[in-house]
Amino acid sequence: MAPAKSASPGADSLAREAFETDALEYVDSLYRTALRLTRVPSDADDLVQDTYLKAFRAADSFTAGTNIRAWLFTILHNAARNRARGRSRDTVTVDSDVVDHAAEVPQFGLSGRVDDPETLLLKNALAPEIQAAVDELPDAFREAVWLRDVEEFSYAEIAGMLSIPVGTVMSRISRGRRMLFGRLQHLRPVNA
């Protein structure tokens, strides 16, 4: 049985345009999360681009009226996992001179990327000590804490994105927050 066609070819075009407009609202949020996942601006750019490519190709399978943001983040996390699997199979060669030189270069501003106002606001909102503490968390905890506390997804949405049980999400967030608290204890004022 062939799928039913819409009454008007223009209706499909309008629906597609609305989908694309809605999806592109989250590019900055997806980039911030991709950067937390990859820790490399150019890799984050590639990951977001892959996410949108997959999303636009699968636009017909998206159910209008559902949570497009969570759908996009699920695609992002699946793409990140697939990239990580692929890279773990790659052969790695190391040039010690390059590694030594890279260790001497400051970590900020490597990509030459001009930060947008939202990114600048986020950088200014998170004190360097907090940013560093979040970045030091193991990947699984950093990812869960970031999605809950910064991106404000529900536990169920995060579980769907990461393909793990809700209980695991709750555990990772709780443990991640405790790790952050421990790393940031030195910032608390001492009572006299």
N, C-alpha and C. Protein backbone atom coordinates (compact mmCIF):
# COMPACT_ATOMS: atom_id res chain seq x y z
N MET A 1 0.84 -1.17 0.00
CA MET A 1 0.00 0.00 0.00
C MET A 1 0.89 1.24 0.00
N ALA A 2 0.67 2.12 -0.90
CA ALA A 2 1.49 3.33 -1.04
C ALA A 2 1.07 4.36 0.00
N PRO A 3 2.04 5.13 0.52
CA PRO A 3 1.71 6.14 1.50
C PRO A 3 0.83 7.21 0.87
N ALA A 4 -0.04 7.77 1.69
CA ALA A 4 -0.94 8.82 1.22
C ALA A 4 -0.14 10.08 0.94
N LYS A 5 -0.47 10.74 -0.16
CA LYS A 5 0.21 11.98 -0.52
C LYS A 5 -0.61 13.14 0.00
N SER A 6 0.06 14.24 0.29
CA SER A 6 -0.66 15.42 0.77
C SER A 6 -1.45 16.03 -0.37
N ALA A 7 -2.47 16.77 -0.01
CA ALA A 7 -3.35 17.38 -1.00
C ALA A 7 -2.60 18.41 -1.84
N SER A 8 -1.60 19.01 -1.27
CA SER A 8 -0.90 20.10 -1.96
C SER A 8 0.60 19.89 -1.88
N PRO A 9 1.30 19.94 -3.02
CA PRO A 9 2.76 19.81 -2.97
C PRO A 9 3.40 20.93 -2.17
N GLY A 10 2.78 22.08 -2.13
CA GLY A 10 3.29 23.21 -1.35
C GLY A 10 3.25 22.95 0.15
N ALA A 11 2.31 22.11 0.60
CA ALA A 11 2.19 21.80 2.02
C ALA A 11 3.43 21.06 2.51
N ASP A 12 3.94 20.13 1.70
CA ASP A 12 5.16 19.41 2.07
C ASP A 12 6.33 20.36 2.18
N SER A 13 6.41 21.28 1.25
CA SER A 13 7.49 22.27 1.25
C SER A 13 7.43 23.15 2.48
N LEU A 14 6.22 23.58 2.85
CA LEU A 14 6.05 24.42 4.04
C LEU A 14 6.39 23.65 5.32
N ALA A 15 5.98 22.38 5.37
CA ALA A 15 6.29 21.56 6.54
C ALA A 15 7.80 21.35 6.66
N ARG A 16 8.44 21.11 5.54
CA ARG A 16 9.90 20.91 5.54
C ARG A 16 10.60 22.19 6.01
N GLU A 17 10.15 23.34 5.50
CA GLU A 17 10.75 24.62 5.88
C GLU A 17 10.54 24.89 7.38
N ALA A 18 9.36 24.58 7.90
CA ALA A 18 9.09 24.76 9.33
C ALA A 18 9.99 23.86 10.16
N PHE A 19 10.17 22.61 9.70
CA PHE A 19 11.05 21.67 10.40
C PHE A 19 12.47 22.22 10.46
N GLU A 20 12.98 22.67 9.32
CA GLU A 20 14.34 23.18 9.26
C GLU A 20 14.51 24.40 10.16
N THR A 21 13.54 25.29 10.16
CA THR A 21 13.60 26.48 11.01
C THR A 21 13.63 26.08 12.48
N ASP A 22 12.75 25.16 12.87
CA ASP A 22 12.71 24.70 14.26
C ASP A 22 14.02 24.02 14.64
N ALA A 23 14.54 23.19 13.76
CA ALA A 23 15.77 22.44 14.06
C ALA A 23 16.96 23.37 14.22
N LEU A 24 17.04 24.39 13.40
CA LEU A 24 18.21 25.28 13.43
C LEU A 24 18.23 26.20 14.65
N GLU A 25 17.14 26.27 15.39
CA GLU A 25 17.12 27.06 16.62
C GLU A 25 18.12 26.53 17.65
N TYR A 26 18.49 25.27 17.55
CA TYR A 26 19.29 24.62 18.59
C TYR A 26 20.75 24.45 18.22
N VAL A 27 21.19 25.11 17.16
CA VAL A 27 22.57 24.92 16.71
C VAL A 27 23.58 25.32 17.78
N ASP A 28 23.37 26.42 18.49
CA ASP A 28 24.32 26.84 19.52
C ASP A 28 24.34 25.87 20.70
N SER A 29 23.19 25.43 21.10
CA SER A 29 23.09 24.48 22.21
C SER A 29 23.75 23.15 21.84
N LEU A 30 23.51 22.70 20.62
CA LEU A 30 24.16 21.46 20.16
C LEU A 30 25.67 21.63 20.10
N TYR A 31 26.13 22.80 19.64
CA TYR A 31 27.58 23.03 19.55
C TYR A 31 28.22 22.99 20.95
N ARG A 32 27.59 23.65 21.91
CA ARG A 32 28.16 23.64 23.27
C ARG A 32 28.28 22.22 23.80
N THR A 33 27.25 21.42 23.57
CA THR A 33 27.29 20.04 24.04
C THR A 33 28.32 19.23 23.26
N ALA A 34 28.39 19.44 21.95
CA ALA A 34 29.39 18.73 21.14
C ALA A 34 30.80 19.09 21.59
N LEU A 35 31.00 20.34 21.95
CA LEU A 35 32.32 20.77 22.44
C LEU A 35 32.65 20.09 23.76
N ARG A 36 31.67 19.91 24.61
CA ARG A 36 31.90 19.19 25.88
C ARG A 36 32.20 17.72 25.62
N LEU A 37 31.59 17.18 24.58
CA LEU A 37 31.83 15.77 24.25
C LEU A 37 33.20 15.55 23.61
N THR A 38 33.57 16.42 22.69
CA THR A 38 34.79 16.22 21.91
C THR A 38 35.99 16.95 22.48
N ARG A 39 35.74 18.08 23.14
CA ARG A 39 36.78 18.95 23.69
C ARG A 39 37.66 19.60 22.64
N VAL A 40 37.28 19.49 21.37
CA VAL A 40 38.04 20.08 20.26
C VAL A 40 37.04 20.85 19.38
N PRO A 41 37.21 22.17 19.25
CA PRO A 41 36.23 22.96 18.48
C PRO A 41 35.97 22.45 17.06
N SER A 42 37.00 22.07 16.33
CA SER A 42 36.77 21.60 14.96
C SER A 42 36.00 20.28 14.95
N ASP A 43 36.26 19.41 15.92
CA ASP A 43 35.50 18.16 16.02
C ASP A 43 34.06 18.43 16.41
N ALA A 44 33.86 19.42 17.28
CA ALA A 44 32.50 19.80 17.67
C ALA A 44 31.73 20.33 16.47
N ASP A 45 32.38 21.16 15.66
CA ASP A 45 31.75 21.67 14.43
C ASP A 45 31.34 20.52 13.53
N ASP A 46 32.24 19.55 13.34
CA ASP A 46 31.96 18.40 12.49
C ASP A 46 30.80 17.58 13.04
N LEU A 47 30.78 17.41 14.36
CA LEU A 47 29.73 16.62 14.99
C LEU A 47 28.37 17.29 14.82
N VAL A 48 28.31 18.60 14.98
CA VAL A 48 27.04 19.32 14.79
C VAL A 48 26.61 19.24 13.33
N GLN A 49 27.56 19.38 12.42
CA GLN A 49 27.23 19.28 11.00
C GLN A 49 26.68 17.88 10.68
N ASP A 50 27.31 16.83 11.20
CA ASP A 50 26.81 15.47 11.00
C ASP A 50 25.40 15.31 11.57
N THR A 51 25.18 15.92 12.74
CA THR A 51 23.88 15.84 13.39
C THR A 51 22.80 16.43 12.49
N TYR A 52 23.05 17.62 11.97
CA TYR A 52 22.06 18.26 11.10
C TYR A 52 21.89 17.52 9.78
N LEU A 53 22.95 16.99 9.24
CA LEU A 53 22.86 16.22 8.01
C LEU A 53 21.93 15.02 8.23
N LYS A 54 22.15 14.30 9.32
CA LYS A 54 21.31 13.13 9.62
C LYS A 54 19.88 13.55 9.93
N ALA A 55 19.73 14.66 10.65
CA ALA A 55 18.38 15.13 11.00
C ALA A 55 17.60 15.53 9.75
N PHE A 56 18.24 16.27 8.86
CA PHE A 56 17.54 16.72 7.65
C PHE A 56 17.22 15.54 6.72
N ARG A 57 18.11 14.56 6.69
CA ARG A 57 17.83 13.37 5.88
C ARG A 57 16.67 12.57 6.45
N ALA A 58 16.53 12.59 7.77
CA ALA A 58 15.47 11.82 8.44
C ALA A 58 14.26 12.68 8.81
N ALA A 59 14.17 13.87 8.26
CA ALA A 59 13.09 14.79 8.61
C ALA A 59 11.71 14.16 8.41
N ASP A 60 11.57 13.33 7.40
CA ASP A 60 10.28 12.69 7.15
C ASP A 60 9.87 11.73 8.26
N SER A 61 10.84 11.22 9.02
CA SER A 61 10.52 10.29 10.11
C SER A 61 10.25 11.02 11.42
N PHE A 62 10.48 12.33 11.46
CA PHE A 62 10.22 13.10 12.68
C PHE A 62 8.72 13.33 12.81
N THR A 63 8.19 13.11 14.00
CA THR A 63 6.77 13.32 14.25
C THR A 63 6.55 14.75 14.72
N ALA A 64 5.84 15.52 13.90
CA ALA A 64 5.57 16.91 14.24
C ALA A 64 4.86 16.99 15.58
N GLY A 65 5.24 17.98 16.38
CA GLY A 65 4.62 18.16 17.69
C GLY A 65 5.37 17.48 18.82
N THR A 66 6.37 16.65 18.48
CA THR A 66 7.17 16.03 19.54
C THR A 66 8.39 16.91 19.81
N ASN A 67 9.21 16.52 20.74
CA ASN A 67 10.33 17.33 21.21
C ASN A 67 11.51 17.25 20.22
N ILE A 68 11.58 18.23 19.32
CA ILE A 68 12.63 18.25 18.30
C ILE A 68 14.00 18.43 18.94
N ARG A 69 14.08 19.18 20.04
CA ARG A 69 15.35 19.41 20.72
C ARG A 69 15.94 18.09 21.23
N ALA A 70 15.12 17.30 21.91
CA ALA A 70 15.58 16.01 22.43
C ALA A 70 15.95 15.08 21.27
N TRP A 71 15.19 15.13 20.18
CA TRP A 71 15.47 14.31 19.00
C TRP A 71 16.84 14.66 18.43
N LEU A 72 17.13 15.96 18.32
CA LEU A 72 18.42 16.40 17.79
C LEU A 72 19.57 15.99 18.71
N PHE A 73 19.37 16.13 20.03
CA PHE A 73 20.42 15.75 20.97
C PHE A 73 20.66 14.24 20.94
N THR A 74 19.62 13.46 20.71
CA THR A 74 19.80 12.02 20.58
C THR A 74 20.65 11.70 19.37
N ILE A 75 20.37 12.37 18.26
CA ILE A 75 21.18 12.17 17.05
C ILE A 75 22.63 12.58 17.33
N LEU A 76 22.83 13.70 18.00
CA LEU A 76 24.17 14.18 18.33
C LEU A 76 24.94 13.14 19.15
N HIS A 77 24.30 12.62 20.19
CA HIS A 77 24.99 11.66 21.05
C HIS A 77 25.26 10.34 20.33
N ASN A 78 24.34 9.91 19.49
CA ASN A 78 24.58 8.69 18.72
C ASN A 78 25.74 8.90 17.74
N ALA A 79 25.78 10.06 17.10
CA ALA A 79 26.87 10.36 16.17
C ALA A 79 28.21 10.42 16.92
N ALA A 80 28.20 11.00 18.12
CA ALA A 80 29.43 11.08 18.92
C ALA A 80 29.91 9.69 19.30
N ARG A 81 28.99 8.82 19.70
CA ARG A 81 29.36 7.44 20.06
C ARG A 81 29.92 6.70 18.85
N ASN A 82 29.29 6.88 17.70
CA ASN A 82 29.77 6.21 16.49
C ASN A 82 31.16 6.69 16.11
N ARG A 83 31.40 7.99 16.23
CA ARG A 83 32.73 8.54 15.94
C ARG A 83 33.77 7.97 16.91
N ALA A 84 33.40 7.89 18.18
CA ALA A 84 34.34 7.38 19.19
C ALA A 84 34.68 5.92 18.90
N ARG A 85 33.69 5.14 18.52
CA ARG A 85 33.95 3.74 18.16
C ARG A 85 34.88 3.65 16.97
N GLY A 86 34.63 4.47 15.97
CA GLY A 86 35.46 4.47 14.77
C GLY A 86 36.88 4.87 15.07
N ARG A 87 37.04 5.87 15.92
CA ARG A 87 38.38 6.35 16.26
C ARG A 87 39.14 5.35 17.12
N SER A 88 38.41 4.58 17.93
CA SER A 88 39.10 3.61 18.78
C SER A 88 39.74 2.50 17.96
N ARG A 89 39.27 2.32 16.72
CA ARG A 89 39.84 1.31 15.83
C ARG A 89 40.97 1.86 14.98
N ASP A 90 41.10 3.19 14.94
CA ASP A 90 42.15 3.81 14.13
C ASP A 90 43.52 3.56 14.75
N THR A 91 44.52 3.43 13.89
CA THR A 91 45.89 3.30 14.34
C THR A 91 46.40 4.68 14.71
N VAL A 92 47.07 4.77 15.83
CA VAL A 92 47.56 6.05 16.31
C VAL A 92 49.08 6.06 16.25
N THR A 93 49.62 7.09 15.60
CA THR A 93 51.06 7.29 15.62
C THR A 93 51.31 8.60 16.35
N VAL A 94 52.35 8.64 17.13
CA VAL A 94 52.63 9.81 17.96
C VAL A 94 54.01 10.36 17.62
N ASP A 95 54.05 11.64 17.36
CA ASP A 95 55.30 12.34 17.16
C ASP A 95 55.56 13.11 18.46
N SER A 96 56.55 12.70 19.23
CA SER A 96 56.78 13.29 20.55
C SER A 96 57.09 14.78 20.48
N ASP A 97 57.73 15.24 19.40
CA ASP A 97 58.00 16.67 19.26
C ASP A 97 56.71 17.47 19.14
N VAL A 98 55.76 16.94 18.37
CA VAL A 98 54.47 17.61 18.22
C VAL A 98 53.73 17.63 19.55
N VAL A 99 53.77 16.54 20.28
CA VAL A 99 53.09 16.48 21.58
C VAL A 99 53.72 17.47 22.55
N ASP A 100 55.03 17.54 22.60
CA ASP A 100 55.70 18.49 23.48
C ASP A 100 55.34 19.93 23.12
N HIS A 101 55.31 20.22 21.83
CA HIS A 101 54.96 21.57 21.39
C HIS A 101 53.51 21.90 21.75
N ALA A 102 52.60 20.94 21.56
CA ALA A 102 51.19 21.17 21.86
C ALA A 102 50.98 21.41 23.35
N ALA A 103 51.77 20.76 24.18
CA ALA A 103 51.64 20.94 25.63
C ALA A 103 52.02 22.36 26.05
N GLU A 104 52.85 23.01 25.27
CA GLU A 104 53.29 24.37 25.61
C GLU A 104 52.33 25.44 25.10
N VAL A 105 51.42 25.09 24.19
CA VAL A 105 50.49 26.07 23.61
C VAL A 105 49.30 26.25 24.55
N PRO A 106 48.85 27.48 24.81
CA PRO A 106 47.65 27.68 25.63
C PRO A 106 46.45 26.98 25.00
N GLN A 107 45.55 26.46 25.83
CA GLN A 107 44.44 25.67 25.35
C GLN A 107 43.30 26.48 24.77
N PHE A 108 43.16 27.74 25.10
CA PHE A 108 42.04 28.54 24.60
C PHE A 108 42.45 29.25 23.33
N GLY A 109 41.52 29.33 22.39
CA GLY A 109 41.75 30.07 21.16
C GLY A 109 42.53 29.31 20.12
N LEU A 110 42.64 28.00 20.25
CA LEU A 110 43.41 27.22 19.28
C LEU A 110 42.75 27.19 17.91
N SER A 111 41.44 27.21 17.87
CA SER A 111 40.75 27.01 16.60
C SER A 111 40.66 28.27 15.76
N GLY A 112 40.91 29.42 16.35
CA GLY A 112 40.74 30.66 15.63
C GLY A 112 39.27 31.00 15.47
N ARG A 113 38.40 30.24 16.08
CA ARG A 113 36.95 30.43 16.00
C ARG A 113 36.57 31.69 16.77
N VAL A 114 35.70 32.48 16.19
CA VAL A 114 35.19 33.66 16.86
C VAL A 114 33.96 33.22 17.64
N ASP A 115 33.98 33.43 18.95
CA ASP A 115 32.86 33.00 19.77
C ASP A 115 31.65 33.89 19.54
N ASP A 116 30.49 33.25 19.48
CA ASP A 116 29.27 34.02 19.35
C ASP A 116 28.88 34.57 20.72
N PRO A 117 27.95 35.53 20.79
CA PRO A 117 27.59 36.14 22.07
C PRO A 117 27.12 35.13 23.11
N GLU A 118 26.39 34.10 22.69
CA GLU A 118 25.90 33.11 23.65
C GLU A 118 27.06 32.34 24.28
N THR A 119 28.04 31.97 23.47
CA THR A 119 29.21 31.26 23.98
C THR A 119 30.01 32.14 24.94
N LEU A 120 30.17 33.40 24.56
CA LEU A 120 30.88 34.34 25.44
C LEU A 120 30.15 34.49 26.77
N LEU A 121 28.83 34.59 26.71
CA LEU A 121 28.05 34.71 27.94
C LEU A 121 28.24 33.47 28.81
N LEU A 122 28.20 32.30 28.19
CA LEU A 122 28.38 31.07 28.95
C LEU A 122 29.77 31.01 29.57
N LYS A 123 30.79 31.41 28.81
CA LYS A 123 32.15 31.41 29.35
C LYS A 123 32.26 32.37 30.54
N ASN A 124 31.62 33.53 30.41
CA ASN A 124 31.67 34.51 31.49
C ASN A 124 30.82 34.09 32.68
N ALA A 125 29.75 33.34 32.41
CA ALA A 125 28.87 32.90 33.49
C ALA A 125 29.52 31.81 34.33
N LEU A 126 30.28 30.95 33.68
CA LEU A 126 30.97 29.89 34.41
C LEU A 126 32.38 30.36 34.74
N ALA A 127 32.66 30.45 35.99
CA ALA A 127 34.00 30.85 36.42
C ALA A 127 35.00 29.84 35.87
N PRO A 128 36.22 30.29 35.60
CA PRO A 128 37.23 29.36 35.06
C PRO A 128 37.42 28.12 35.94
N GLU A 129 37.31 28.29 37.24
CA GLU A 129 37.49 27.14 38.13
C GLU A 129 36.37 26.12 37.92
N ILE A 130 35.15 26.62 37.69
CA ILE A 130 34.02 25.72 37.48
C ILE A 130 34.16 25.04 36.11
N GLN A 131 34.52 25.81 35.10
CA GLN A 131 34.74 25.22 33.77
C GLN A 131 35.78 24.12 33.84
N ALA A 132 36.87 24.41 34.52
CA ALA A 132 37.95 23.41 34.62
C ALA A 132 37.47 22.17 35.36
N ALA A 133 36.71 22.37 36.44
CA ALA A 133 36.21 21.23 37.21
C ALA A 133 35.26 20.38 36.37
N VAL A 134 34.39 21.02 35.59
CA VAL A 134 33.48 20.27 34.71
C VAL A 134 34.28 19.52 33.66
N ASP A 135 35.26 20.17 33.06
CA ASP A 135 36.07 19.54 32.02
C ASP A 135 36.87 18.35 32.55
N GLU A 136 37.21 18.35 33.83
CA GLU A 136 37.99 17.27 34.42
C GLU A 136 37.15 16.04 34.76
N LEU A 137 35.83 16.18 34.75
CA LEU A 137 34.98 15.03 35.05
C LEU A 137 35.18 13.95 33.99
N PRO A 138 35.09 12.68 34.38
CA PRO A 138 35.11 11.61 33.38
C PRO A 138 33.96 11.82 32.40
N ASP A 139 34.15 11.41 31.16
CA ASP A 139 33.20 11.69 30.09
C ASP A 139 31.75 11.38 30.44
N ALA A 140 31.49 10.20 30.98
CA ALA A 140 30.11 9.80 31.26
C ALA A 140 29.44 10.74 32.26
N PHE A 141 30.17 11.15 33.27
CA PHE A 141 29.60 12.04 34.28
C PHE A 141 29.46 13.46 33.74
N ARG A 142 30.47 13.93 33.00
CA ARG A 142 30.43 15.28 32.43
C ARG A 142 29.24 15.41 31.49
N GLU A 143 29.04 14.40 30.67
CA GLU A 143 27.96 14.40 29.70
C GLU A 143 26.60 14.48 30.41
N ALA A 144 26.38 13.66 31.41
CA ALA A 144 25.10 13.63 32.12
C ALA A 144 24.86 14.93 32.90
N VAL A 145 25.87 15.41 33.60
CA VAL A 145 25.73 16.66 34.36
C VAL A 145 25.45 17.82 33.41
N TRP A 146 26.17 17.88 32.30
CA TRP A 146 25.99 18.97 31.34
C TRP A 146 24.56 18.98 30.78
N LEU A 147 24.08 17.81 30.37
CA LEU A 147 22.75 17.73 29.78
C LEU A 147 21.66 18.10 30.79
N ARG A 148 21.86 17.77 32.05
CA ARG A 148 20.84 18.06 33.06
C ARG A 148 20.96 19.50 33.56
N ASP A 149 22.15 19.91 33.97
CA ASP A 149 22.29 21.19 34.67
C ASP A 149 22.48 22.38 33.75
N VAL A 150 23.00 22.17 32.56
CA VAL A 150 23.19 23.29 31.63
C VAL A 150 22.10 23.28 30.56
N GLU A 151 21.89 22.14 29.92
CA GLU A 151 20.90 22.05 28.85
C GLU A 151 19.49 21.82 29.39
N GLU A 152 19.37 21.43 30.65
CA GLU A 152 18.09 21.28 31.37
C GLU A 152 17.16 20.23 30.77
N PHE A 153 17.73 19.12 30.31
CA PHE A 153 16.90 18.02 29.85
C PHE A 153 16.43 17.23 31.06
N SER A 154 15.30 16.55 30.90
CA SER A 154 14.79 15.69 31.98
C SER A 154 15.63 14.41 32.03
N TYR A 155 15.52 13.69 33.14
CA TYR A 155 16.25 12.44 33.27
C TYR A 155 15.85 11.46 32.15
N ALA A 156 14.56 11.41 31.86
CA ALA A 156 14.07 10.50 30.82
C ALA A 156 14.63 10.88 29.45
N GLU A 157 14.69 12.17 29.15
CA GLU A 157 15.23 12.61 27.86
C GLU A 157 16.72 12.25 27.75
N ILE A 158 17.44 12.45 28.84
CA ILE A 158 18.87 12.12 28.84
C ILE A 158 19.06 10.62 28.66
N ALA A 159 18.24 9.83 29.34
CA ALA A 159 18.32 8.37 29.21
C ALA A 159 18.11 7.96 27.76
N GLY A 160 17.15 8.58 27.10
CA GLY A 160 16.90 8.27 25.70
C GLY A 160 18.06 8.66 24.81
N MET A 161 18.65 9.83 25.07
CA MET A 161 19.77 10.30 24.25
C MET A 161 20.99 9.42 24.39
N LEU A 162 21.26 8.99 25.62
CA LEU A 162 22.47 8.23 25.90
C LEU A 162 22.26 6.71 25.82
N SER A 163 21.02 6.31 25.60
CA SER A 163 20.66 4.88 25.52
C SER A 163 21.07 4.12 26.79
N ILE A 164 20.72 4.71 27.92
CA ILE A 164 20.99 4.09 29.22
C ILE A 164 19.74 4.22 30.07
N PRO A 165 19.59 3.39 31.12
CA PRO A 165 18.42 3.49 31.99
C PRO A 165 18.38 4.82 32.76
N VAL A 166 17.19 5.25 33.12
CA VAL A 166 17.01 6.48 33.87
C VAL A 166 17.78 6.43 35.19
N GLY A 167 17.78 5.27 35.84
CA GLY A 167 18.52 5.12 37.10
C GLY A 167 20.01 5.39 36.93
N THR A 168 20.55 4.96 35.82
CA THR A 168 21.96 5.20 35.52
C THR A 168 22.20 6.69 35.33
N VAL A 169 21.28 7.35 34.63
CA VAL A 169 21.39 8.81 34.44
C VAL A 169 21.41 9.50 35.80
N MET A 170 20.47 9.13 36.66
CA MET A 170 20.38 9.76 37.98
C MET A 170 21.67 9.52 38.78
N SER A 171 22.18 8.31 38.70
CA SER A 171 23.40 7.97 39.41
C SER A 171 24.59 8.78 38.89
N ARG A 172 24.71 8.88 37.57
CA ARG A 172 25.84 9.62 36.98
C ARG A 172 25.76 11.10 37.35
N ILE A 173 24.56 11.66 37.33
CA ILE A 173 24.41 13.07 37.69
C ILE A 173 24.76 13.28 39.15
N SER A 174 24.26 12.41 40.00
CA SER A 174 24.55 12.53 41.44
C SER A 174 26.05 12.41 41.70
N ARG A 175 26.67 11.39 41.12
CA ARG A 175 28.10 11.20 41.33
C ARG A 175 28.91 12.32 40.70
N GLY A 176 28.51 12.77 39.52
CA GLY A 176 29.20 13.88 38.87
C GLY A 176 29.13 15.16 39.68
N ARG A 177 27.96 15.43 40.24
CA ARG A 177 27.81 16.63 41.07
C ARG A 177 28.68 16.53 42.33
N ARG A 178 28.73 15.32 42.92
CA ARG A 178 29.60 15.15 44.10
C ARG A 178 31.06 15.37 43.75
N MET A 179 31.48 14.88 42.58
CA MET A 179 32.86 15.11 42.14
C MET A 179 33.11 16.60 41.96
N LEU A 180 32.16 17.30 41.35
CA LEU A 180 32.30 18.75 41.17
C LEU A 180 32.39 19.45 42.52
N PHE A 181 31.52 19.06 43.44
CA PHE A 181 31.53 19.66 44.77
C PHE A 181 32.89 19.47 45.43
N GLY A 182 33.43 18.25 45.33
CA GLY A 182 34.75 17.98 45.92
C GLY A 182 35.85 18.81 45.27
N ARG A 183 35.78 18.97 43.97
CA ARG A 183 36.80 19.74 43.26
C ARG A 183 36.69 21.23 43.52
N LEU A 184 35.51 21.68 43.91
CA LEU A 184 35.30 23.12 44.11
C LEU A 184 35.25 23.53 45.58
N GLN A 185 35.48 22.59 46.48
CA GLN A 185 35.46 22.88 47.92
C GLN A 185 36.38 24.04 48.29
N HIS A 186 37.51 24.15 47.63
CA HIS A 186 38.48 25.19 47.97
C HIS A 186 37.95 26.60 47.68
N LEU A 187 36.87 26.71 46.94
CA LEU A 187 36.30 28.03 46.62
C LEU A 187 35.33 28.53 47.68
N ARG A 188 34.90 27.65 48.57
CA ARG A 188 33.95 28.05 49.61
C ARG A 188 34.63 28.96 50.62
N PRO A 189 33.93 30.00 51.04
CA PRO A 189 34.51 30.89 52.05
C PRO A 189 34.66 30.14 53.38
N VAL A 190 35.73 30.42 54.06
CA VAL A 190 36.00 29.79 55.35
C VAL A 190 35.33 30.63 56.43
N ASN A 191 34.51 29.98 57.26
CA ASN A 191 33.85 30.70 58.36
C ASN A 191 34.84 30.91 59.49
N ALA A 192 34.88 32.14 59.98
CA ALA A 192 35.84 32.46 61.04
C ALA A 192 35.35 32.05 62.39
